[in-house]
Amino acid sequence: MNQQVSMSSDTIIPLQKENMKILLLENIHSAAEETFRDGQYSSVERRPGALEEDELIEMLSDVHVLGIRSKTHVSARVLDAAPHLLAVGCFCIGTDQVDLDAATRRGVAVFNAPFSNTRSVAELTIAEVIMLARRATQRSMELHKGIWNKTAKGCNEVRRKTIGIVGYGHIGPQVGLLAESLGMRVVFHDIVRKLPLGNARQVSGLEELLEISDFVTLHVPETPLTRGMIGAEQLRLMPRGSYLLNLSRGSVVDIPALYEALTNGHLAGAAVDVFPQEPNSNKDPFESQLRGLSNVILTPHIGGSTEEAQRNIGIEVSDALVSYLETGSTTGCANLPEVHLPVIEDSYRMVNIHKDMPGVLSRINGLIAGMCVNIKAQSYNTRNGIGYLLMDVERSLPRDIERQIEALDSNVRTRLLF
């Protein structure tokens, strides 16, 4: 929202949309650019690939909003070199590629789309379960070599088999419902108690799940708790002839241990979509110990890579960024306190991000009152050592207010939205 008002040189002037520069990297879906342009943001640049740190620093010298996927890494060094950066949009599930602590210290909001591609990942999971059970990829590889091997040996239906889901957040329940529709028994493990969907059953721990599952599928985030959670010891607990699927994070599975379990015949097969080291672009080679194993389905981190998912992500993240730029709403923000304030007609909105220190809100309100400006509404919250304030006032603020607030030792960022 940009009010058409007359302001003197002594009042704070909001940053106008036409002056905001938006950079979208890594083939972010065109729906994101459409959202910005529909909102009258005219300076939008889309680029096909990721940028290395030095090149990214050079590009961000005058950028206000950066959009990335999973290959561009936004480090503290990058953030320190981007003085105008207001927000980063991660057009993907996670935010691992952004130094969230550094972004928070600089008052840079980070948004992502944790739910938009859950159906796509769930569908690929079930497709791979069936392909593994029928050994279809092995038969396909043989036919490509001219070998006709029509056999039922080692091929099974998935009906009445048990699928164990590790991580029952957003993707896990959808996998469970799809599996149940195929007649599979569904068990799951999560670190917190979850309400099961359908006939799924939560087991007492990871060990029990591994011991009773014909298929184990992983859908967990990357955390200190999940790194290396599936190693040689865990693989030995799985029944002989069972299958492992990883469509979560590459750090979750010990690849050498998985290779050993696959080559010695303990596991019948695996499907792996994520890897500890992945190429930076499609032009770089892929190296893995699992290459060449006929009982392994390898996919290049495409669990959420469908047109539908990428479009949904493009819309969800760009909508959140536009809302943040125009109203200051941090709903769904990954690092700043969550604050929302409905727009009040005939008001002027200021956002202040500051260190969470005693008395900050009182000092800011005192400065506003000292200028004889009436406060019409406020919304305030704290998180991660940061305070986030949205304030609507009855008239335009004198420029001296901005200077005084910025001079507070608590201040991180202050700006007028409209």
Protein backbone atom coordinates (compact mmCIF):
# COMPACT_ATOMS: atom_id res chain seq x y z
CA MET A 1 0.00 0.00 0.00
CA ASN A 2 1.47 3.35 -1.10
CA GLN A 3 -0.56 6.41 -0.17
CA GLN A 4 -0.58 9.30 -2.60
CA VAL A 5 0.28 12.08 -0.18
CA SER A 6 2.13 15.32 -0.30
CA MET A 7 5.23 15.27 1.90
CA SER A 8 7.66 18.02 2.62
CA SER A 9 11.41 17.52 2.63
CA ASP A 10 11.19 17.40 6.42
CA THR A 11 9.12 14.20 6.48
CA ILE A 12 10.14 10.57 6.02
CA ILE A 13 9.44 9.37 2.47
CA PRO A 14 8.69 5.65 1.96
CA LEU A 15 10.74 3.69 -0.55
CA GLN A 16 8.67 3.62 -3.73
CA LYS A 17 7.93 0.38 -5.59
CA GLU A 18 9.54 1.55 -8.80
CA ASN A 19 12.81 2.05 -6.91
CA MET A 20 12.84 -1.42 -5.37
CA LYS A 21 15.17 -3.84 -7.14
CA ILE A 22 14.22 -7.54 -7.03
CA LEU A 23 16.63 -10.30 -8.10
CA LEU A 24 15.34 -13.86 -8.66
CA LEU A 25 17.91 -16.63 -9.21
CA GLU A 26 17.91 -20.36 -10.02
CA ASN A 27 15.00 -20.55 -12.46
CA ILE A 28 12.39 -19.51 -9.92
CA HIS A 29 8.97 -20.04 -11.47
CA SER A 30 7.67 -17.17 -13.58
CA ALA A 31 4.63 -16.96 -11.27
CA ALA A 32 6.87 -15.14 -8.78
CA GLU A 33 7.82 -12.46 -11.29
CA GLU A 34 4.16 -12.14 -12.30
CA THR A 35 3.20 -11.54 -8.66
CA PHE A 36 5.73 -8.73 -8.29
CA ARG A 37 4.81 -7.11 -11.60
CA ASP A 38 1.10 -7.35 -10.79
CA GLY A 39 1.98 -5.45 -7.61
CA GLN A 40 3.59 -2.68 -9.70
CA TYR A 41 7.19 -3.65 -8.90
CA SER A 42 8.86 -2.80 -12.19
CA SER A 43 12.51 -3.68 -11.50
CA VAL A 44 12.47 -7.48 -11.45
CA GLU A 45 15.36 -9.53 -12.85
CA ARG A 46 15.29 -13.31 -13.26
CA ARG A 47 18.45 -15.38 -13.77
CA PRO A 48 18.67 -19.10 -14.59
CA GLY A 49 21.39 -20.34 -12.21
CA ALA A 50 22.93 -19.95 -8.79
CA LEU A 51 25.71 -17.44 -8.05
CA GLU A 52 28.95 -18.02 -6.22
CA GLU A 53 29.60 -15.84 -3.17
CA ASP A 54 31.76 -13.16 -4.79
CA GLU A 55 29.45 -12.78 -7.78
CA LEU A 56 26.42 -12.66 -5.49
CA ILE A 57 28.04 -9.91 -3.40
CA GLU A 58 28.62 -7.87 -6.55
CA MET A 59 25.01 -8.33 -7.69
CA LEU A 60 23.47 -7.38 -4.33
CA SER A 61 24.98 -3.91 -3.97
CA ASP A 62 21.65 -2.24 -4.83
CA VAL A 63 19.15 -5.12 -4.44
CA HIS A 64 16.23 -4.89 -1.99
CA VAL A 65 14.76 -8.41 -2.38
CA LEU A 66 16.64 -11.59 -3.26
CA GLY A 67 14.92 -14.78 -4.40
CA ILE A 68 16.82 -18.08 -4.35
CA ARG A 69 16.29 -21.82 -4.27
CA SER A 70 18.64 -24.35 -2.69
CA LYS A 71 21.95 -23.78 -4.50
CA THR A 72 22.65 -20.12 -3.70
CA HIS A 73 24.24 -19.67 -0.28
CA VAL A 74 23.58 -16.41 1.54
CA SER A 75 26.37 -16.16 4.10
CA ALA A 76 27.06 -13.52 6.73
CA ARG A 77 29.65 -12.07 4.35
CA VAL A 78 27.02 -11.74 1.62
CA LEU A 79 24.55 -10.09 4.00
CA ASP A 80 27.16 -7.64 5.30
CA ALA A 81 27.82 -6.55 1.70
CA ALA A 82 24.13 -5.95 0.88
CA PRO A 83 23.22 -2.64 2.58
CA HIS A 84 19.81 -2.27 0.91
CA LEU A 85 18.63 -5.87 1.28
CA LEU A 86 15.28 -6.05 3.06
CA ALA A 87 14.26 -9.67 2.51
CA VAL A 88 15.33 -13.04 1.14
CA GLY A 89 12.80 -15.42 -0.35
CA CYS A 90 13.76 -19.11 -0.31
CA PHE A 91 11.59 -20.59 -3.05
CA CYS A 92 11.86 -24.08 -1.58
CA ILE A 93 11.08 -25.96 1.63
CA GLY A 94 14.12 -25.15 3.75
CA THR A 95 16.28 -22.17 4.71
CA ASP A 96 19.54 -24.06 5.34
CA GLN A 97 21.26 -22.08 2.59
CA VAL A 98 20.82 -18.78 4.47
CA ASP A 99 22.73 -17.74 7.58
CA LEU A 100 19.60 -17.00 9.59
CA ASP A 101 21.45 -15.59 12.59
CA ALA A 102 23.28 -13.06 10.41
CA ALA A 103 20.06 -12.18 8.58
CA THR A 104 18.29 -11.61 11.90
CA ARG A 105 21.08 -9.36 13.20
CA ARG A 106 20.79 -7.22 10.07
CA GLY A 107 16.99 -7.13 10.14
CA VAL A 108 16.65 -9.06 6.87
CA ALA A 109 13.45 -11.10 6.75
CA VAL A 110 13.69 -14.65 5.36
CA PHE A 111 10.65 -16.42 3.92
CA ASN A 112 10.24 -19.94 2.54
CA ALA A 113 7.51 -22.35 1.43
CA PRO A 114 7.48 -25.34 3.79
CA PHE A 115 4.20 -26.80 2.53
CA SER A 116 3.80 -26.10 -1.19
CA ASN A 117 5.55 -29.18 -2.62
CA THR A 118 4.48 -31.80 -0.09
CA ARG A 119 2.15 -33.56 -2.54
CA SER A 120 4.88 -33.79 -5.18
CA VAL A 121 7.33 -35.42 -2.75
CA ALA A 122 4.67 -37.80 -1.47
CA GLU A 123 3.74 -38.94 -4.99
CA LEU A 124 7.37 -39.61 -5.96
CA THR A 125 7.86 -41.56 -2.75
CA ILE A 126 4.96 -43.88 -3.49
CA ALA A 127 6.01 -44.25 -7.14
CA GLU A 128 9.48 -45.32 -6.03
CA VAL A 129 8.07 -47.76 -3.48
CA ILE A 130 6.20 -49.52 -6.28
CA MET A 131 9.14 -49.38 -8.71
CA LEU A 132 11.44 -50.90 -6.09
CA ALA A 133 8.96 -53.64 -5.17
CA ARG A 134 8.54 -54.62 -8.84
CA ARG A 135 12.24 -54.17 -9.67
CA ALA A 136 11.03 -52.11 -12.61
CA THR A 137 14.12 -49.93 -12.88
CA GLN A 138 16.34 -53.03 -13.17
CA ARG A 139 14.16 -54.43 -15.95
CA SER A 140 14.25 -51.03 -17.69
CA MET A 141 18.06 -50.87 -17.52
CA GLU A 142 18.27 -54.40 -18.94
CA LEU A 143 15.97 -53.60 -21.84
CA HIS A 144 18.03 -50.53 -22.69
CA LYS A 145 20.95 -52.96 -23.05
CA GLY A 146 18.88 -55.31 -25.25
CA ILE A 147 18.29 -57.90 -22.50
CA TRP A 148 14.79 -59.39 -22.29
CA ASN A 149 14.34 -60.68 -18.74
CA LYS A 150 10.66 -61.37 -18.17
CA THR A 151 10.53 -62.78 -14.65
CA ALA A 152 8.50 -62.52 -11.45
CA LYS A 153 11.41 -63.52 -9.22
CA GLY A 154 11.91 -61.00 -6.43
CA CYS A 155 8.97 -58.88 -7.59
CA ASN A 156 6.13 -58.20 -5.17
CA GLU A 157 2.94 -56.24 -4.71
CA VAL A 158 3.01 -53.52 -2.07
CA ARG A 159 -0.40 -54.49 -0.73
CA ARG A 160 -0.21 -55.82 2.85
CA LYS A 161 3.41 -54.65 3.16
CA THR A 162 4.43 -52.27 5.96
CA ILE A 163 5.77 -48.82 5.20
CA GLY A 164 7.58 -47.02 8.02
CA ILE A 165 7.61 -43.23 7.80
CA VAL A 166 10.36 -41.42 9.70
CA GLY A 167 9.19 -37.85 10.27
CA TYR A 168 5.44 -37.18 10.38
CA GLY A 169 5.34 -33.47 9.65
CA HIS A 170 3.85 -32.26 6.36
CA ILE A 171 4.99 -34.86 3.83
CA GLY A 172 4.81 -37.95 6.05
CA PRO A 173 1.02 -37.93 6.57
CA GLN A 174 0.41 -37.57 2.82
CA VAL A 175 2.73 -40.50 2.12
CA GLY A 176 0.79 -42.49 4.70
CA LEU A 177 -2.60 -41.77 3.16
CA LEU A 178 -1.41 -42.65 -0.34
CA ALA A 179 0.22 -45.85 0.91
CA GLU A 180 -2.89 -46.84 2.83
CA SER A 181 -4.98 -46.43 -0.33
CA LEU A 182 -2.74 -49.11 -1.88
CA GLY A 183 -3.49 -51.48 0.98
CA MET A 184 -0.22 -50.95 2.87
CA ARG A 185 0.12 -50.95 6.64
CA VAL A 186 1.44 -47.58 7.83
CA VAL A 187 3.58 -46.93 10.90
CA PHE A 188 5.50 -43.78 11.70
CA HIS A 189 8.06 -42.35 14.09
CA ASP A 190 8.38 -38.73 15.14
CA ILE A 191 10.18 -37.07 18.03
CA VAL A 192 6.87 -35.59 19.24
CA ARG A 193 3.46 -37.16 19.67
CA LYS A 194 1.40 -36.72 16.48
CA LEU A 195 -2.24 -37.31 15.63
CA PRO A 196 -2.22 -40.05 12.96
CA LEU A 197 -4.22 -39.77 9.76
CA GLY A 198 -6.20 -42.76 8.50
CA ASN A 199 -5.09 -46.00 10.12
CA ALA A 200 -1.45 -44.99 10.59
CA ARG A 201 0.10 -45.95 13.92
CA GLN A 202 2.87 -44.15 15.79
CA VAL A 203 5.49 -46.57 17.13
CA SER A 204 7.54 -46.18 20.27
CA GLY A 205 10.82 -45.35 18.58
CA LEU A 206 13.00 -45.48 15.47
CA GLU A 207 14.35 -48.92 16.33
CA GLU A 208 10.87 -50.48 16.42
CA LEU A 209 9.96 -48.86 13.11
CA LEU A 210 13.11 -50.16 11.42
CA GLU A 211 12.55 -53.69 12.70
CA ILE A 212 8.97 -54.07 11.43
CA SER A 213 9.00 -52.14 8.12
CA ASP A 214 9.33 -53.56 4.61
CA PHE A 215 9.88 -50.02 3.31
CA VAL A 216 11.43 -47.20 5.35
CA THR A 217 11.02 -43.68 3.98
CA LEU A 218 12.69 -40.62 5.49
CA HIS A 219 10.99 -37.20 5.67
CA VAL A 220 12.92 -35.26 8.31
CA PRO A 221 14.65 -31.84 8.32
CA GLU A 222 18.40 -31.45 8.67
CA THR A 223 19.17 -30.94 12.35
CA PRO A 224 21.93 -32.10 14.71
CA LEU A 225 19.54 -34.89 15.72
CA THR A 226 18.95 -36.16 12.18
CA ARG A 227 22.46 -35.91 10.74
CA GLY A 228 23.70 -39.46 10.26
CA MET A 229 20.61 -40.91 11.91
CA ILE A 230 20.62 -43.87 9.49
CA GLY A 231 23.97 -45.63 9.70
CA ALA A 232 25.27 -49.20 9.75
CA GLU A 233 23.66 -49.98 13.10
CA GLN A 234 20.23 -48.78 11.99
CA LEU A 235 20.46 -50.55 8.62
CA ARG A 236 21.20 -53.85 10.39
CA LEU A 237 17.91 -53.50 12.28
CA MET A 238 15.94 -53.48 9.03
CA PRO A 239 14.61 -56.87 7.84
CA ARG A 240 16.64 -58.63 5.18
CA GLY A 241 15.14 -57.83 1.78
CA SER A 242 13.65 -54.50 2.86
CA TYR A 243 14.03 -51.11 1.16
CA LEU A 244 15.19 -47.63 2.20
CA LEU A 245 14.06 -44.35 0.63
CA ASN A 246 15.56 -40.93 1.36
CA LEU A 247 13.78 -37.87 -0.01
CA SER A 248 14.64 -35.61 2.93
CA ARG A 249 18.23 -34.37 3.36
CA GLY A 250 21.50 -35.83 2.13
CA SER A 251 23.12 -35.73 5.56
CA VAL A 252 20.58 -38.10 7.10
CA VAL A 253 21.99 -41.35 5.64
CA ASP A 254 25.53 -42.73 5.90
CA ILE A 255 26.16 -43.49 2.21
CA PRO A 256 29.07 -45.96 2.68
CA ALA A 257 26.96 -47.92 5.17
CA LEU A 258 24.04 -47.92 2.74
CA TYR A 259 26.32 -49.10 -0.07
CA GLU A 260 27.51 -51.99 2.09
CA ALA A 261 23.95 -53.02 3.01
CA LEU A 262 22.94 -52.96 -0.66
CA THR A 263 25.92 -54.85 -2.04
CA ASN A 264 25.94 -57.57 0.61
CA GLY A 265 22.27 -58.34 -0.04
CA HIS A 266 20.86 -57.20 3.31
CA LEU A 267 18.75 -54.51 1.64
CA ALA A 268 16.90 -55.38 -1.55
CA GLY A 269 17.08 -51.84 -2.85
CA ALA A 270 16.97 -48.12 -2.17
CA ALA A 271 15.77 -44.85 -3.66
CA VAL A 272 17.86 -41.75 -3.02
CA ASP A 273 16.91 -38.22 -4.09
CA VAL A 274 19.27 -36.19 -1.87
CA PHE A 275 23.01 -36.51 -1.30
CA PRO A 276 25.69 -35.25 1.10
CA GLN A 277 27.43 -33.47 -1.79
CA GLU A 278 25.42 -32.32 -4.77
CA PRO A 279 26.55 -30.55 -7.96
CA ASN A 280 26.16 -26.79 -7.99
CA SER A 281 24.58 -26.83 -11.45
CA ASN A 282 23.37 -29.18 -14.17
CA LYS A 283 26.72 -28.71 -15.92
CA ASP A 284 28.72 -30.22 -13.04
CA PRO A 285 29.28 -34.00 -12.77
CA PHE A 286 27.55 -36.12 -10.14
CA GLU A 287 29.70 -38.45 -8.05
CA SER A 288 28.36 -41.06 -5.65
CA GLN A 289 29.32 -44.49 -4.39
CA LEU A 290 25.79 -45.58 -5.29
CA ARG A 291 26.22 -45.01 -9.01
CA GLY A 292 25.97 -48.18 -11.07
CA LEU A 293 23.97 -50.20 -8.53
CA SER A 294 21.05 -51.72 -10.41
CA ASN A 295 18.89 -52.01 -7.29
CA VAL A 296 19.09 -48.27 -6.52
CA ILE A 297 16.91 -45.50 -7.93
CA LEU A 298 18.90 -42.27 -8.10
CA THR A 299 17.13 -38.97 -8.75
CA PRO A 300 18.73 -35.48 -8.80
CA HIS A 301 16.93 -33.82 -5.86
CA ILE A 302 13.64 -33.61 -7.76
CA GLY A 303 11.23 -34.63 -4.98
CA GLY A 304 9.47 -31.29 -5.15
CA SER A 305 10.29 -30.51 -8.76
CA THR A 306 6.94 -30.52 -10.50
CA GLU A 307 5.37 -27.66 -12.42
CA GLU A 308 2.52 -27.55 -9.92
CA ALA A 309 4.82 -27.42 -6.89
CA GLN A 310 7.15 -24.82 -8.36
CA ARG A 311 4.24 -22.60 -9.34
CA ASN A 312 2.70 -22.91 -5.87
CA ILE A 313 6.05 -22.08 -4.27
CA GLY A 314 6.53 -19.11 -6.59
CA ILE A 315 3.15 -17.71 -5.60
CA GLU A 316 3.41 -18.46 -1.87
CA VAL A 317 6.84 -16.92 -1.31
CA SER A 318 6.32 -13.89 -3.57
CA ASP A 319 2.97 -13.18 -1.88
CA ALA A 320 4.70 -13.27 1.52
CA LEU A 321 7.45 -10.94 0.29
CA VAL A 322 4.97 -8.44 -1.16
CA SER A 323 2.97 -8.49 2.07
CA TYR A 324 6.17 -7.84 4.04
CA LEU A 325 7.25 -4.97 1.80
CA GLU A 326 3.85 -3.31 1.75
CA THR A 327 2.38 -3.95 5.21
CA GLY A 328 5.32 -5.18 7.30
CA SER A 329 3.59 -8.52 7.97
CA THR A 330 6.05 -11.22 9.01
CA THR A 331 3.52 -14.06 8.99
CA GLY A 332 5.41 -17.21 8.05
CA CYS A 333 8.82 -15.52 8.41
CA ALA A 334 11.61 -17.97 9.25
CA ASN A 335 13.71 -15.66 11.43
CA LEU A 336 11.95 -12.47 12.58
CA PRO A 337 9.16 -12.28 15.19
CA GLU A 338 5.74 -12.95 13.70
CA VAL A 339 3.74 -9.73 13.60
CA HIS A 340 0.65 -8.69 11.64
CA LEU A 341 -1.35 -5.46 11.80
CA PRO A 342 -4.47 -4.83 9.68
CA VAL A 343 -4.21 -1.76 7.48
CA ILE A 344 -5.99 1.27 8.90
CA GLU A 345 -7.20 3.89 6.44
CA ASP A 346 -5.70 7.38 6.67
CA SER A 347 -2.73 6.21 8.69
CA TYR A 348 1.03 6.06 8.24
CA ARG A 349 2.95 2.91 9.09
CA MET A 350 6.44 2.59 10.47
CA VAL A 351 8.36 -0.64 11.06
CA ASN A 352 11.16 -0.84 13.59
CA ILE A 353 13.43 -3.84 14.10
CA HIS A 354 15.58 -3.64 17.20
CA LYS A 355 17.58 -5.62 19.71
CA ASP A 356 15.33 -7.03 22.42
CA MET A 357 16.35 -4.75 25.29
CA PRO A 358 14.32 -3.48 28.27
CA GLY A 359 12.48 -0.21 27.69
CA VAL A 360 12.89 0.01 23.90
CA LEU A 361 9.17 0.20 23.14
CA SER A 362 8.69 2.88 25.80
CA ARG A 363 11.52 4.98 24.37
CA ILE A 364 10.16 4.77 20.81
CA ASN A 365 6.65 5.65 21.95
CA GLY A 366 8.09 8.55 23.93
CA LEU A 367 9.85 9.91 20.87
CA ILE A 368 6.66 9.70 18.82
CA ALA A 369 4.59 11.35 21.54
CA GLY A 370 7.23 14.05 21.93
CA MET A 371 6.60 15.07 18.32
CA CYS A 372 2.87 15.39 19.09
CA VAL A 373 2.04 12.50 16.76
CA ASN A 374 -0.89 10.31 17.80
CA ILE A 375 -0.35 6.53 17.70
CA LYS A 376 -3.41 4.81 16.18
CA ALA A 377 -2.35 1.14 16.46
CA GLN A 378 0.63 -1.05 17.33
CA SER A 379 1.62 -4.71 17.02
CA TYR A 380 4.77 -6.00 18.70
CA ASN A 381 6.57 -9.29 19.26
CA THR A 382 10.03 -10.59 20.14
CA ARG A 383 12.03 -13.62 19.00
CA ASN A 384 15.67 -14.69 18.79
CA GLY A 385 16.81 -11.57 20.66
CA ILE A 386 15.01 -9.27 18.20
CA GLY A 387 12.00 -7.03 18.73
CA TYR A 388 9.69 -6.27 15.81
CA LEU A 389 7.32 -3.29 15.97
CA LEU A 390 4.60 -2.20 13.58
CA MET A 391 3.15 1.20 14.38
CA ASP A 392 0.36 3.18 12.67
CA VAL A 393 0.26 6.93 13.34
CA GLU A 394 -2.21 9.63 12.38
CA ARG A 395 0.07 11.75 10.20
CA SER A 396 3.38 11.67 8.38
CA LEU A 397 6.40 11.44 10.63
CA PRO A 398 9.06 14.16 10.78
CA ARG A 399 12.44 13.07 9.44
CA ASP A 400 13.92 13.90 12.84
CA ILE A 401 11.94 11.00 14.34
CA GLU A 402 13.67 8.56 12.02
CA ARG A 403 17.08 9.96 12.95
CA GLN A 404 16.32 9.75 16.67
CA ILE A 405 15.05 6.17 16.50
CA GLU A 406 18.02 5.11 14.38
CA ALA A 407 20.31 6.70 16.97
CA LEU A 408 19.02 4.36 19.71
CA ASP A 409 21.60 1.72 20.63
CA SER A 410 18.87 -0.88 20.19
CA ASN A 411 18.06 -0.01 16.55
CA VAL A 412 18.61 -2.51 13.75
CA ARG A 413 16.39 -1.09 11.00
CA THR A 414 13.68 1.57 10.78
CA ARG A 415 11.61 2.43 7.72
CA LEU A 416 8.29 4.01 6.76
CA LEU A 417 6.05 1.70 4.74
CA PHE A 418 3.27 4.10 3.76
